[in-house]
């Protein structure tokens, strides 16, 4: 899941080298933290949050398929 999110985020941003995706295992869930350059923050969030909502929907779909919870967060 981490690799998929990283690939999608790198395709969306201008500064590919500034993308940092980390997967942190917690109690029964995996937190995926996405860090991007400040100038690319708007591209990840999208208009009215549509892009991040789509990424979170993808994480939710994978969660149902694998029966493991994935939480996607953007870290400033």
PDB file of N, CA and C in Angstrom:
ATOM      1  N   UNK A   1       0.818  -1.186   0.000  1.00  0.00           N
ATOM      2  CA  UNK A   1       0.000   0.000   0.000  1.00  0.00           C
ATOM      3  C   UNK A   1       0.866   1.256   0.000  1.00  0.00           C
ATOM      4  N   UNK A   2       1.927   1.231   0.781  1.00  0.00           N
ATOM      5  CA  UNK A   2       2.830   2.379   0.869  1.00  0.00           C
ATOM      6  C   UNK A   2       3.400   2.717  -0.498  1.00  0.00           C
ATOM      7  N   UNK A   3       3.801   1.708  -1.245  1.00  0.00           N
ATOM      8  CA  UNK A   3       4.401   1.925  -2.554  1.00  0.00           C
ATOM      9  C   UNK A   3       3.388   2.510  -3.534  1.00  0.00           C
ATOM     10  N   UNK A   4       2.155   2.066  -3.448  1.00  0.00           N
ATOM     11  CA  UNK A   4       1.108   2.579  -4.329  1.00  0.00           C
ATOM     12  C   UNK A   4       0.829   4.049  -4.056  1.00  0.00           C
ATOM     13  N   UNK A   5       0.716   4.412  -2.779  1.00  0.00           N
ATOM     14  CA  UNK A   5       0.471   5.801  -2.407  1.00  0.00           C
ATOM     15  C   UNK A   5       1.652   6.665  -2.854  1.00  0.00           C
ATOM     16  N   UNK A   6       2.866   6.171  -2.649  1.00  0.00           N
ATOM     17  CA  UNK A   6       4.052   6.928  -3.036  1.00  0.00           C
ATOM     18  C   UNK A   6       4.080   7.168  -4.546  1.00  0.00           C
ATOM     19  N   UNK A   7       3.734   6.175  -5.326  1.00  0.00           N
ATOM     20  CA  UNK A   7       3.729   6.309  -6.779  1.00  0.00           C
ATOM     21  C   UNK A   7       2.698   7.349  -7.227  1.00  0.00           C
ATOM     22  N   UNK A   8       1.515   7.324  -6.641  1.00  0.00           N
ATOM     23  CA  UNK A   8       0.459   8.268  -7.007  1.00  0.00           C
ATOM     24  C   UNK A   8       0.849   9.687  -6.617  1.00  0.00           C
ATOM     25  N   UNK A   9       1.379   9.855  -5.407  1.00  0.00           N
ATOM     26  CA  UNK A   9       1.758  11.189  -4.926  1.00  0.00           C
ATOM     27  C   UNK A   9       2.886  11.761  -5.776  1.00  0.00           C
ATOM     28  N   UNK A  10       3.862  10.956  -6.132  1.00  0.00           N
ATOM     29  CA  UNK A  10       4.968  11.444  -6.965  1.00  0.00           C
ATOM     30  C   UNK A  10       4.482  11.862  -8.347  1.00  0.00           C
ATOM     31  N   UNK A  11       3.418  11.240  -8.835  1.00  0.00           N
ATOM     32  CA  UNK A  11       2.874  11.621 -10.134  1.00  0.00           C
ATOM     33  C   UNK A  11       2.127  12.953 -10.062  1.00  0.00           C
ATOM     34  N   UNK A  12       1.672  13.331  -8.871  1.00  0.00           N
ATOM     35  CA  UNK A  12       0.885  14.554  -8.717  1.00  0.00           C
ATOM     36  C   UNK A  12       1.717  15.809  -8.456  1.00  0.00           C
ATOM     37  N   UNK A  13       2.872  15.665  -7.822  1.00  0.00           N
ATOM     38  CA  UNK A  13       3.627  16.830  -7.354  1.00  0.00           C
ATOM     39  C   UNK A  13       4.682  17.269  -8.367  1.00  0.00           C
ATOM     40  N   UNK A  14       5.196  18.501  -8.149  1.00  0.00           N
ATOM     41  CA  UNK A  14       6.278  19.017  -8.984  1.00  0.00           C
ATOM     42  C   UNK A  14       7.641  18.607  -8.436  1.00  0.00           C
ATOM     43  N   UNK A  15       7.811  18.688  -7.118  1.00  0.00           N
ATOM     44  CA  UNK A  15       9.086  18.344  -6.478  1.00  0.00           C
ATOM     45  C   UNK A  15       9.049  16.888  -5.998  1.00  0.00           C
ATOM     46  N   UNK A  16       9.432  15.988  -6.894  1.00  0.00           N
ATOM     47  CA  UNK A  16       9.368  14.557  -6.616  1.00  0.00           C
ATOM     48  C   UNK A  16      10.342  14.163  -5.504  1.00  0.00           C
ATOM     49  N   UNK A  17      11.487  14.842  -5.434  1.00  0.00           N
ATOM     50  CA  UNK A  17      12.490  14.492  -4.427  1.00  0.00           C
ATOM     51  C   UNK A  17      12.048  14.823  -3.012  1.00  0.00           C
ATOM     52  N   UNK A  18      11.088  15.709  -2.859  1.00  0.00           N
ATOM     53  CA  UNK A  18      10.627  16.110  -1.526  1.00  0.00           C
ATOM     54  C   UNK A  18       9.556  15.187  -0.968  1.00  0.00           C
ATOM     55  N   UNK A  19       9.104  14.218  -1.750  1.00  0.00           N
ATOM     56  CA  UNK A  19       8.049  13.306  -1.298  1.00  0.00           C
ATOM     57  C   UNK A  19       8.638  12.285  -0.329  1.00  0.00           C
ATOM     58  N   UNK A  20       7.986  12.153   0.825  1.00  0.00           N
ATOM     59  CA  UNK A  20       8.392  11.168   1.829  1.00  0.00           C
ATOM     60  C   UNK A  20       7.138  10.459   2.324  1.00  0.00           C
ATOM     61  N   UNK A  21       7.074   9.152   2.101  1.00  0.00           N
ATOM     62  CA  UNK A  21       5.930   8.351   2.526  1.00  0.00           C
ATOM     63  C   UNK A  21       6.434   7.327   3.530  1.00  0.00           C
ATOM     64  N   UNK A  22       5.803   7.322   4.708  1.00  0.00           N
ATOM     65  CA  UNK A  22       6.194   6.382   5.757  1.00  0.00           C
ATOM     66  C   UNK A  22       4.990   5.563   6.192  1.00  0.00           C
ATOM     67  N   UNK A  23       5.219   4.295   6.463  1.00  0.00           N
ATOM     68  CA  UNK A  23       4.173   3.416   6.987  1.00  0.00           C
ATOM     69  C   UNK A  23       4.524   3.073   8.427  1.00  0.00           C
ATOM     70  N   UNK A  24       3.624   3.393   9.332  1.00  0.00           N
ATOM     71  CA  UNK A  24       3.833   3.147  10.752  1.00  0.00           C
ATOM     72  C   UNK A  24       2.768   2.165  11.221  1.00  0.00           C
ATOM     73  N   UNK A  25       3.198   1.021  11.731  1.00  0.00           N
ATOM     74  CA  UNK A  25       2.258   0.019  12.225  1.00  0.00           C
ATOM     75  C   UNK A  25       1.803   0.384  13.626  1.00  0.00           C
ATOM     76  N   UNK A  26       0.508   0.348  13.805  1.00  0.00           N
ATOM     77  CA  UNK A  26      -0.098   0.599  15.105  1.00  0.00           C
ATOM     78  C   UNK A  26      -1.013  -0.560  15.432  1.00  0.00           C
ATOM     79  N   UNK A  27      -1.719  -0.468  16.510  1.00  0.00           N
ATOM     80  CA  UNK A  27      -2.589  -1.551  16.965  1.00  0.00           C
ATOM     81  C   UNK A  27      -3.662  -1.864  15.926  1.00  0.00           C
ATOM     82  N   UNK A  28      -3.448  -2.885  15.117  1.00  0.00           N
ATOM     83  CA  UNK A  28      -4.426  -3.322  14.149  1.00  0.00           C
ATOM     84  C   UNK A  28      -4.577  -2.435  12.928  1.00  0.00           C
ATOM     85  N   UNK A  29      -3.725  -1.440  12.769  1.00  0.00           N
ATOM     86  CA  UNK A  29      -3.834  -0.526  11.635  1.00  0.00           C
ATOM     87  C   UNK A  29      -2.449  -0.084  11.187  1.00  0.00           C
ATOM     88  N   UNK A  30      -2.383   0.418   9.992  1.00  0.00           N
ATOM     89  CA  UNK A  30      -1.145   0.979   9.464  1.00  0.00           C
ATOM     90  C   UNK A  30      -1.407   2.423   9.098  1.00  0.00           C
ATOM     91  N   UNK A  31      -0.647   3.318   9.705  1.00  0.00           N
ATOM     92  CA  UNK A  31      -0.749   4.747   9.417  1.00  0.00           C
ATOM     93  C   UNK A  31       0.243   5.073   8.312  1.00  0.00           C
ATOM     94  N   UNK A  32      -0.238   5.660   7.231  1.00  0.00           N
ATOM     95  CA  UNK A  32       0.620   6.058   6.122  1.00  0.00           C
ATOM     96  C   UNK A  32       0.712   7.575   6.150  1.00  0.00           C
ATOM     97  N   UNK A  33       1.908   8.080   6.441  1.00  0.00           N
ATOM     98  CA  UNK A  33       2.153   9.517   6.504  1.00  0.00           C
ATOM     99  C   UNK A  33       2.780   9.978   5.201  1.00  0.00           C
ATOM    100  N   UNK A  34       2.238  11.041   4.642  1.00  0.00           N
ATOM    101  CA  UNK A  34       2.738  11.602   3.386  1.00  0.00           C
ATOM    102  C   UNK A  34       3.258  13.002   3.666  1.00  0.00           C
ATOM    103  N   UNK A  35       4.508  13.241   3.320  1.00  0.00           N
ATOM    104  CA  UNK A  35       5.108  14.575   3.436  1.00  0.00           C
ATOM    105  C   UNK A  35       5.511  15.031   2.042  1.00  0.00           C
ATOM    106  N   UNK A  36       5.148  16.278   1.720  1.00  0.00           N
ATOM    107  CA  UNK A  36       5.522  16.861   0.433  1.00  0.00           C
ATOM    108  C   UNK A  36       6.042  18.275   0.676  1.00  0.00           C
ATOM    109  N   UNK A  37       6.592  18.881  -0.364  1.00  0.00           N
ATOM    110  CA  UNK A  37       7.064  20.261  -0.273  1.00  0.00           C
ATOM    111  C   UNK A  37       5.863  21.178  -0.026  1.00  0.00           C
ATOM    112  N   UNK A  38       6.085  22.286   0.676  1.00  0.00           N
ATOM    113  CA  UNK A  38       4.970  23.200   0.971  1.00  0.00           C
ATOM    114  C   UNK A  38       4.237  23.697  -0.280  1.00  0.00           C
ATOM    115  N   UNK A  39       4.948  23.872  -1.375  1.00  0.00           N
ATOM    116  CA  UNK A  39       4.316  24.316  -2.608  1.00  0.00           C
ATOM    117  C   UNK A  39       3.427  23.276  -3.260  1.00  0.00           C
ATOM    118  N   UNK A  40       3.636  22.020  -2.926  1.00  0.00           N
ATOM    119  CA  UNK A  40       2.853  20.929  -3.501  1.00  0.00           C
ATOM    120  C   UNK A  40       1.700  20.484  -2.604  1.00  0.00           C
ATOM    121  N   UNK A  41       1.560  21.104  -1.456  1.00  0.00           N
ATOM    122  CA  UNK A  41       0.515  20.700  -0.518  1.00  0.00           C
ATOM    123  C   UNK A  41      -0.877  20.848  -1.143  1.00  0.00           C
ATOM    124  N   UNK A  42      -1.091  21.920  -1.872  1.00  0.00           N
ATOM    125  CA  UNK A  42      -2.393  22.142  -2.510  1.00  0.00           C
ATOM    126  C   UNK A  42      -2.716  21.109  -3.574  1.00  0.00           C
ATOM    127  N   UNK A  43      -1.704  20.616  -4.244  1.00  0.00           N
ATOM    128  CA  UNK A  43      -1.928  19.599  -5.276  1.00  0.00           C
ATOM    129  C   UNK A  43      -2.357  18.276  -4.670  1.00  0.00           C
ATOM    130  N   UNK A  44      -1.831  17.960  -3.494  1.00  0.00           N
ATOM    131  CA  UNK A  44      -2.203  16.715  -2.822  1.00  0.00           C
ATOM    132  C   UNK A  44      -3.613  16.824  -2.236  1.00  0.00           C
ATOM    133  N   UNK A  45      -3.938  17.981  -1.691  1.00  0.00           N
ATOM    134  CA  UNK A  45      -5.265  18.164  -1.100  1.00  0.00           C
ATOM    135  C   UNK A  45      -6.319  18.279  -2.201  1.00  0.00           C
ATOM    136  N   UNK A  46      -6.028  19.038  -3.242  1.00  0.00           N
ATOM    137  CA  UNK A  46      -6.962  19.182  -4.348  1.00  0.00           C
ATOM    138  C   UNK A  46      -8.050  20.195  -4.045  1.00  0.00           C
ATOM    139  N   UNK A  47      -8.884  20.445  -5.023  1.00  0.00           N
ATOM    140  CA  UNK A  47      -9.995  21.385  -4.834  1.00  0.00           C
ATOM    141  C   UNK A  47     -11.002  20.786  -3.879  1.00  0.00           C
ATOM    142  N   UNK A  48     -11.262  21.530  -2.824  1.00  0.00           N
ATOM    143  CA  UNK A  48     -12.201  21.134  -1.773  1.00  0.00           C
ATOM    144  C   UNK A  48     -11.875  19.743  -1.223  1.00  0.00           C
ATOM    145  N   UNK A  49     -10.602  19.353  -1.286  1.00  0.00           N
ATOM    146  CA  UNK A  49     -10.163  18.088  -0.703  1.00  0.00           C
ATOM    147  C   UNK A  49     -10.473  16.857  -1.531  1.00  0.00           C
ATOM    148  N   UNK A  50     -10.746  17.046  -2.799  1.00  0.00           N
ATOM    149  CA  UNK A  50     -11.136  15.906  -3.629  1.00  0.00           C
ATOM    150  C   UNK A  50     -10.007  14.901  -3.842  1.00  0.00           C
ATOM    151  N   UNK A  51      -8.793  15.383  -4.039  1.00  0.00           N
ATOM    152  CA  UNK A  51      -7.678  14.474  -4.314  1.00  0.00           C
ATOM    153  C   UNK A  51      -7.348  13.630  -3.101  1.00  0.00           C
ATOM    154  N   UNK A  52      -7.246  14.256  -1.928  1.00  0.00           N
ATOM    155  CA  UNK A  52      -6.935  13.483  -0.726  1.00  0.00           C
ATOM    156  C   UNK A  52      -8.091  12.559  -0.368  1.00  0.00           C
ATOM    157  N   UNK A  53      -9.306  12.986  -0.650  1.00  0.00           N
ATOM    158  CA  UNK A  53     -10.464  12.120  -0.393  1.00  0.00           C
ATOM    159  C   UNK A  53     -10.402  10.877  -1.278  1.00  0.00           C
ATOM    160  N   UNK A  54      -9.964  11.057  -2.532  1.00  0.00           N
ATOM    161  CA  UNK A  54      -9.830   9.922  -3.450  1.00  0.00           C
ATOM    162  C   UNK A  54      -8.734   8.971  -2.977  1.00  0.00           C
ATOM    163  N   UNK A  55      -7.608   9.527  -2.497  1.00  0.00           N
ATOM    164  CA  UNK A  55      -6.533   8.679  -1.970  1.00  0.00           C
ATOM    165  C   UNK A  55      -6.998   7.906  -0.735  1.00  0.00           C
ATOM    166  N   UNK A  56      -7.759   8.569   0.124  1.00  0.00           N
ATOM    167  CA  UNK A  56      -8.277   7.893   1.314  1.00  0.00           C
ATOM    168  C   UNK A  56      -9.296   6.823   0.941  1.00  0.00           C
ATOM    169  N   UNK A  57     -10.082   7.063  -0.106  1.00  0.00           N
ATOM    170  CA  UNK A  57     -11.023   6.052  -0.583  1.00  0.00           C
ATOM    171  C   UNK A  57     -10.283   4.829  -1.106  1.00  0.00           C
ATOM    172  N   UNK A  58      -9.174   5.067  -1.780  1.00  0.00           N
ATOM    173  CA  UNK A  58      -8.341   3.966  -2.249  1.00  0.00           C
ATOM    174  C   UNK A  58      -7.805   3.153  -1.068  1.00  0.00           C
ATOM    175  N   UNK A  59      -7.326   3.855  -0.042  1.00  0.00           N
ATOM    176  CA  UNK A  59      -6.828   3.176   1.158  1.00  0.00           C
ATOM    177  C   UNK A  59      -7.934   2.383   1.830  1.00  0.00           C
ATOM    178  N   UNK A  60      -9.142   2.921   1.853  1.00  0.00           N
ATOM    179  CA  UNK A  60     -10.271   2.218   2.458  1.00  0.00           C
ATOM    180  C   UNK A  60     -10.614   0.956   1.670  1.00  0.00           C
ATOM    181  N   UNK A  61     -10.579   1.045   0.338  1.00  0.00           N
ATOM    182  CA  UNK A  61     -10.879  -0.115  -0.498  1.00  0.00           C
ATOM    183  C   UNK A  61      -9.852  -1.225  -0.278  1.00  0.00           C
ATOM    184  N   UNK A  62      -8.592  -0.853  -0.179  1.00  0.00           N
ATOM    185  CA  UNK A  62      -7.550  -1.840   0.094  1.00  0.00           C
ATOM    186  C   UNK A  62      -7.735  -2.426   1.492  1.00  0.00           C
ATOM    187  N   UNK A  63      -8.173  -1.598   2.425  1.00  0.00           N
ATOM    188  CA  UNK A  63      -8.426  -2.073   3.788  1.00  0.00           C
ATOM    189  C   UNK A  63      -9.479  -3.169   3.797  1.00  0.00           C
ATOM    190  N   UNK A  64     -10.534  -2.972   3.034  1.00  0.00           N
ATOM    191  CA  UNK A  64     -11.590  -3.982   2.970  1.00  0.00           C
ATOM    192  C   UNK A  64     -11.093  -5.261   2.313  1.00  0.00           C
ATOM    193  N   UNK A  65     -10.290  -5.101   1.272  1.00  0.00           N
ATOM    194  CA  UNK A  65      -9.787  -6.260   0.534  1.00  0.00           C
ATOM    195  C   UNK A  65      -8.819  -7.097   1.378  1.00  0.00           C
ATOM    196  N   UNK A  66      -7.907  -6.419   2.090  1.00  0.00           N
ATOM    197  CA  UNK A  66      -6.884  -7.119   2.862  1.00  0.00           C
ATOM    198  C   UNK A  66      -7.276  -7.373   4.312  1.00  0.00           C
ATOM    199  N   UNK A  67      -8.429  -6.828   4.726  1.00  0.00           N
ATOM    200  CA  UNK A  67      -8.893  -6.950   6.111  1.00  0.00           C
ATOM    201  C   UNK A  67      -7.867  -6.416   7.106  1.00  0.00           C
ATOM    202  N   UNK A  68      -7.291  -5.285   6.732  1.00  0.00           N
ATOM    203  CA  UNK A  68      -6.321  -4.584   7.577  1.00  0.00           C
ATOM    204  C   UNK A  68      -6.560  -3.095   7.356  1.00  0.00           C
ATOM    205  N   UNK A  69      -6.637  -2.343   8.418  1.00  0.00           N
ATOM    206  CA  UNK A  69      -6.980  -0.924   8.305  1.00  0.00           C
ATOM    207  C   UNK A  69      -5.766  -0.083   7.912  1.00  0.00           C
ATOM    208  N   UNK A  70      -5.967   0.774   6.917  1.00  0.00           N
ATOM    209  CA  UNK A  70      -4.950   1.735   6.489  1.00  0.00           C
ATOM    210  C   UNK A  70      -5.502   3.139   6.700  1.00  0.00           C
ATOM    211  N   UNK A  71      -4.703   3.992   7.329  1.00  0.00           N
ATOM    212  CA  UNK A  71      -5.081   5.375   7.587  1.00  0.00           C
ATOM    213  C   UNK A  71      -4.091   6.256   6.854  1.00  0.00           C
ATOM    214  N   UNK A  72      -4.585   7.186   6.065  1.00  0.00           N
ATOM    215  CA  UNK A  72      -3.741   8.054   5.255  1.00  0.00           C
ATOM    216  C   UNK A  72      -3.803   9.465   5.807  1.00  0.00           C
ATOM    217  N   UNK A  73      -2.628  10.039   6.109  1.00  0.00           N
ATOM    218  CA  UNK A  73      -2.541  11.387   6.640  1.00  0.00           C
ATOM    219  C   UNK A  73      -1.496  12.190   5.880  1.00  0.00           C
ATOM    220  N   UNK A  74      -1.766  13.479   5.728  1.00  0.00           N
ATOM    221  CA  UNK A  74      -0.783  14.405   5.168  1.00  0.00           C
ATOM    222  C   UNK A  74      -0.157  15.131   6.335  1.00  0.00           C
ATOM    223  N   UNK A  75       1.171  15.084   6.417  1.00  0.00           N
ATOM    224  CA  UNK A  75       1.904  15.725   7.508  1.00  0.00           C
ATOM    225  C   UNK A  75       2.596  16.965   6.961  1.00  0.00           C
ATOM    226  N   UNK A  76       2.451  18.080   7.653  1.00  0.00           N
ATOM    227  CA  UNK A  76       3.093  19.320   7.204  1.00  0.00           C
ATOM    228  C   UNK A  76       4.526  19.357   7.631  1.00  0.00           C
TER     229      UNK A  76
END
